[in-house]
C-alpha cells in the first residue's frame, strides 16, 4: 500500500507539473499573439498600408499580410457559409478575368477605345466592379509566421461574422488611419482545460487578456472604460 501511495503521489506531481508547463506555454503564446496584434496596428498607422492577421484555426497557425490596395469590409455581418461562398465567387471571378486577359493578349492585346474594332456593347457588367484588395506576405522579420504546438486557437470573433469562426481561416484587418476591428480571439490547451481570451479594442489597438473564455457580446455592451465593444 505504501508503494502504491508513493507511485500515485509521483504520478500526480508529474501531471501537475505537465499542466503547469502547458499553462505557461499557453500564457506565452497568448502574450506573443497580443504583441502581434499591437505591432500590426502600429505598423498600419506608420506605413499607411492595409495589414491583416491571418489566423488558421485548423492548422493552429497565424501570420501577417500587407496590401497597398484599399480594403472595404462587408456592410453586413456574414455567416461562415456566406463568407466561403463570397470568397469562392471572388476567386472564380479572378480566374475568369485572367483567362479573358490571356485571350486578349493572344490576339494582340486588348483593343483601345480610339480604334473602330472596340465594341462597348461586348463589355460585361462584372468588369466594372471595384478591384478586390490583394494581400501579399509580410516580409518584416519582426513578425514571422507562428505555429502553435500542443495548443489551439479555439475561436475568432469580429462583428463581420454572425458567429465566431471555429475552423478554417479568420482575418483581423488593420487600417492606415489607426484603426482595427473589435475582436475576441480565444486560445486553449489541447484538452481545453486552460483558456485565455484576447479582446482587441478597435480605436486604440490595445489588447486585454483574460484568463477565461470571453463570449461575443450581444447588443450594445461596453468595456471598463465605457467604450462600446461592438457597434
Protein backbone atom coordinates (compact mmCIF):
# COMPACT_ATOMS: atom_id res chain seq x y z
CA UNK A 1 0.00 0.00 0.00
CA UNK A 2 2.81 2.38 0.85
CA UNK A 3 4.48 1.74 -2.51
CA UNK A 4 1.21 2.38 -4.35
CA UNK A 5 0.70 5.63 -2.44
CA UNK A 6 4.22 6.79 -3.37
CA UNK A 7 3.67 5.92 -7.05
CA UNK A 8 0.33 7.74 -7.07
CA UNK A 9 1.96 10.79 -5.49
CA UNK A 10 4.75 10.82 -8.07
CA UNK A 11 2.26 10.42 -10.90
CA UNK A 12 0.14 13.27 -9.52
CA UNK A 13 3.14 15.55 -9.24
CA UNK A 14 4.12 14.67 -12.82
CA UNK A 15 0.66 15.51 -14.17
CA UNK A 16 0.56 18.74 -12.19
CA UNK A 17 3.99 19.72 -13.48
CA UNK A 18 2.96 18.98 -17.05
CA UNK A 19 -0.17 21.10 -16.67
CA UNK A 20 1.91 23.93 -15.26
CA UNK A 21 4.27 23.79 -18.25
CA UNK A 22 1.34 23.67 -20.69
CA UNK A 23 -0.34 26.63 -19.00
CA UNK A 24 2.94 28.54 -19.10
CA UNK A 25 3.25 27.83 -22.84
CA UNK A 26 -0.36 28.95 -23.37
CA UNK A 27 0.26 32.16 -21.48
CA UNK A 28 3.41 32.84 -23.54
CA UNK A 29 1.58 32.12 -26.82
CA UNK A 30 -1.24 34.45 -25.80
CA UNK A 31 1.22 37.22 -24.96
CA UNK A 32 3.01 36.77 -28.30
CA UNK A 33 -0.27 36.95 -30.23
CA UNK A 34 -1.23 40.06 -28.30
CA UNK A 35 2.08 41.65 -29.29
CA UNK A 36 1.49 40.70 -32.93
CA UNK A 37 -1.89 42.47 -32.92
CA UNK A 38 -0.41 45.59 -31.37
CA UNK A 39 2.55 45.56 -33.79
CA UNK A 40 0.32 45.35 -36.87
CA UNK A 41 -1.89 48.13 -35.51
CA UNK A 42 1.12 50.44 -35.17
CA UNK A 43 2.63 49.26 -38.47
CA UNK A 44 -0.52 50.09 -40.42
CA UNK A 45 -0.57 53.60 -38.92
CA UNK A 46 3.10 54.24 -39.70
CA UNK A 47 3.26 52.87 -43.25
CA UNK A 48 -0.22 53.91 -44.41
CA UNK A 49 -0.82 50.40 -45.76
CA UNK A 50 -3.54 47.90 -45.04
CA UNK A 51 -2.45 44.95 -42.93
CA UNK A 52 -4.21 41.82 -41.79
CA UNK A 53 -3.56 38.98 -39.40
CA UNK A 54 -4.43 35.62 -40.95
CA UNK A 55 -5.41 33.02 -38.35
CA UNK A 56 -5.68 29.40 -39.50
CA UNK A 57 -7.67 27.70 -36.77
CA UNK A 58 -7.49 24.26 -38.39
CA UNK A 59 -3.69 24.25 -38.62
CA UNK A 60 -3.07 26.28 -35.48
CA UNK A 61 -1.04 28.93 -37.32
CA UNK A 62 -1.11 32.69 -37.82
CA UNK A 63 0.84 35.14 -39.96
CA UNK A 64 0.68 38.69 -41.28
CA UNK A 65 -0.05 40.06 -44.76
CA UNK A 66 0.05 43.56 -46.25
CA UNK A 67 -1.61 45.33 -49.17
CA UNK A 68 -1.32 48.67 -50.98
CA UNK A 69 -4.91 48.31 -52.21
CA UNK A 70 -7.83 49.87 -50.40
CA UNK A 71 -9.83 47.31 -48.45
CA UNK A 72 -13.55 47.54 -47.80
CA UNK A 73 -15.18 45.37 -45.15
CA UNK A 74 -18.62 43.87 -45.92
CA UNK A 75 -21.52 46.12 -44.94
CA UNK A 76 -23.39 43.34 -43.16
CA UNK A 77 -22.28 40.51 -40.92
CA UNK A 78 -21.69 37.24 -42.76
CA UNK A 79 -22.04 33.64 -41.70
CA UNK A 80 -19.11 31.30 -42.33
CA UNK A 81 -21.01 29.74 -45.24
CA UNK A 82 -21.70 33.18 -46.76
CA UNK A 83 -18.06 34.16 -46.39
CA UNK A 84 -16.82 30.98 -48.07
CA UNK A 85 -19.30 31.49 -50.93
CA UNK A 86 -18.19 35.09 -51.39
CA UNK A 87 -14.52 34.10 -51.41
CA UNK A 88 -15.21 31.31 -53.92
CA UNK A 89 -17.13 33.72 -56.16
CA UNK A 90 -14.27 36.23 -55.99
CA UNK A 91 -11.75 33.51 -56.85
CA UNK A 92 -13.88 32.38 -59.80
CA UNK A 93 -14.19 36.00 -60.98
CA UNK A 94 -10.41 36.46 -60.77
CA UNK A 95 -9.85 33.27 -62.75
CA UNK A 96 -12.37 34.38 -65.40
CA UNK A 97 -10.66 37.75 -65.72
CA UNK A 98 -7.25 36.08 -66.01
CA UNK A 99 -8.46 33.87 -68.85
CA UNK A 100 -10.03 36.86 -70.60
CA UNK A 101 -6.77 38.80 -70.43
CA UNK A 102 -4.83 35.81 -71.76
CA UNK A 103 -7.27 35.57 -74.67
CA UNK A 104 -6.90 39.28 -75.42
CA UNK A 105 -3.12 39.02 -75.33
CA UNK A 106 -3.26 36.06 -77.71
CA UNK A 107 -4.99 38.28 -80.25
CA UNK A 108 -2.53 41.13 -79.93
CA UNK A 109 -3.69 42.78 -76.71
CA UNK A 110 -6.90 44.48 -75.68
CA UNK A 111 -8.44 46.93 -78.16
CA UNK A 112 -8.38 50.68 -77.48
CA UNK A 113 -11.37 53.00 -77.45
CA UNK A 114 -9.95 55.07 -80.29
CA UNK A 115 -9.89 52.01 -82.57
CA UNK A 116 -13.00 51.14 -84.53
CA UNK A 117 -12.69 47.48 -83.53
CA UNK A 118 -13.60 48.25 -79.90
CA UNK A 119 -17.25 47.46 -79.17
CA UNK A 120 -18.53 48.75 -75.81
CA UNK A 121 -21.62 46.56 -76.07
CA UNK A 122 -19.45 43.45 -75.64
CA UNK A 123 -18.17 44.52 -72.23
CA UNK A 124 -19.61 42.62 -69.28
CA UNK A 125 -21.04 44.41 -66.27
CA UNK A 126 -18.74 42.44 -64.00
CA UNK A 127 -15.71 44.20 -65.43
CA UNK A 128 -16.72 47.46 -63.72
CA UNK A 129 -16.84 46.06 -60.18
CA UNK A 130 -14.31 47.56 -57.71
CA UNK A 131 -10.98 45.79 -57.67
CA UNK A 132 -10.58 43.45 -54.74
CA UNK A 133 -7.71 44.18 -52.38
CA UNK A 134 -4.80 41.79 -52.85
CA UNK A 135 -2.68 40.95 -49.83
CA UNK A 136 0.90 39.70 -50.03
CA UNK A 137 3.15 38.04 -47.49
CA UNK A 138 4.50 40.29 -44.74
CA UNK A 139 8.28 40.23 -45.16
CA UNK A 140 9.31 42.00 -41.95
CA UNK A 141 11.39 39.68 -39.79
CA UNK A 142 9.93 41.27 -36.66
CA UNK A 143 6.75 39.26 -37.10
CA UNK A 144 7.30 35.80 -38.55
CA UNK A 145 4.64 33.10 -39.11
CA UNK A 146 3.85 31.23 -35.90
CA UNK A 147 2.73 27.62 -35.48
CA UNK A 148 1.29 26.70 -32.10
CA UNK A 149 2.44 23.41 -30.59
CA UNK A 150 0.17 21.44 -28.24
CA UNK A 151 -2.12 24.47 -28.20
CA UNK A 152 -5.06 25.52 -30.32
CA UNK A 153 -6.91 28.62 -31.37
CA UNK A 154 -10.44 27.85 -30.28
CA UNK A 155 -12.33 30.71 -31.94
CA UNK A 156 -12.06 34.15 -33.53
CA UNK A 157 -14.90 36.66 -33.46
CA UNK A 158 -15.30 40.02 -35.22
CA UNK A 159 -18.54 41.93 -35.94
CA UNK A 160 -18.13 40.98 -39.62
CA UNK A 161 -19.20 37.46 -38.69
CA UNK A 162 -22.59 36.38 -37.37
CA UNK A 163 -20.91 33.77 -35.18
CA UNK A 164 -17.35 33.03 -34.03
CA UNK A 165 -15.10 31.29 -36.55
CA UNK A 166 -14.07 27.89 -35.19
CA UNK A 167 -12.45 26.31 -38.25
CA UNK A 168 -10.71 27.36 -41.43
CA UNK A 169 -9.23 30.86 -41.64
CA UNK A 170 -10.21 34.07 -39.92
CA UNK A 171 -8.89 37.57 -40.65
CA UNK A 172 -8.28 40.63 -38.49
CA UNK A 173 -7.77 43.83 -40.52
CA UNK A 174 -5.73 46.91 -39.62
CA UNK A 175 -6.34 50.25 -41.35
CA UNK A 176 -3.90 53.07 -42.18
CA UNK A 177 -5.66 55.73 -40.09
CA UNK A 178 -5.01 53.86 -36.87
CA UNK A 179 -8.00 51.60 -36.51
CA UNK A 180 -8.70 47.88 -36.41
CA UNK A 181 -11.71 45.68 -35.80
CA UNK A 182 -13.13 44.82 -32.39
CA UNK A 183 -12.24 41.18 -31.95
CA UNK A 184 -12.16 38.31 -29.50
CA UNK A 185 -9.53 35.61 -30.01
CA UNK A 186 -9.66 32.57 -27.73
CA UNK A 187 -6.78 30.12 -27.23
CA UNK A 188 -6.64 26.96 -25.15
CA UNK A 189 -4.51 23.93 -24.46
CA UNK A 190 -5.18 20.72 -26.39
CA UNK A 191 -7.53 19.41 -23.72
CA UNK A 192 -9.42 22.68 -23.45
CA UNK A 193 -8.83 22.92 -19.70
CA UNK A 194 -6.88 26.20 -19.72
CA UNK A 195 -8.35 29.07 -21.74
CA UNK A 196 -7.19 32.59 -22.49
CA UNK A 197 -9.08 35.25 -24.45
CA UNK A 198 -7.74 38.37 -26.15
CA UNK A 199 -10.13 41.30 -26.54
CA UNK A 200 -8.96 43.84 -29.14
CA UNK A 201 -10.04 47.48 -28.86
CA UNK A 202 -10.75 48.93 -32.33
CA UNK A 203 -9.63 52.53 -31.74
CA UNK A 204 -6.56 52.19 -29.55
CA UNK A 205 -5.42 48.75 -30.71
CA UNK A 206 -4.97 47.77 -27.09
CA UNK A 207 -5.34 44.07 -26.29
CA UNK A 208 -6.71 42.97 -22.96
CA UNK A 209 -6.03 39.38 -21.89
CA UNK A 210 -8.49 37.38 -19.79
CA UNK A 211 -7.77 34.07 -18.07
CA UNK A 212 -11.15 32.73 -19.19
CA UNK A 213 -13.30 32.47 -22.29
CA UNK A 214 -14.89 35.77 -23.27
CA UNK A 215 -18.13 35.24 -25.17
CA UNK A 216 -19.11 37.51 -28.10
CA UNK A 217 -21.20 40.49 -26.99
CA UNK A 218 -24.88 40.69 -27.76
CA UNK A 219 -26.43 44.08 -28.39
CA UNK A 220 -24.66 47.14 -27.00
CA UNK A 221 -22.01 46.26 -24.46
CA UNK A 222 -19.24 48.41 -23.04
CA UNK A 223 -15.81 47.80 -21.60
CA UNK A 224 -14.42 49.01 -18.30
CA UNK A 225 -13.74 52.48 -19.70
CA UNK A 226 -17.21 52.97 -21.11
CA UNK A 227 -16.23 52.31 -24.73
CA UNK A 228 -18.70 50.36 -26.82
CA UNK A 229 -17.20 46.98 -27.77
CA UNK A 230 -19.34 46.28 -30.81
CA UNK A 231 -21.20 48.87 -32.83
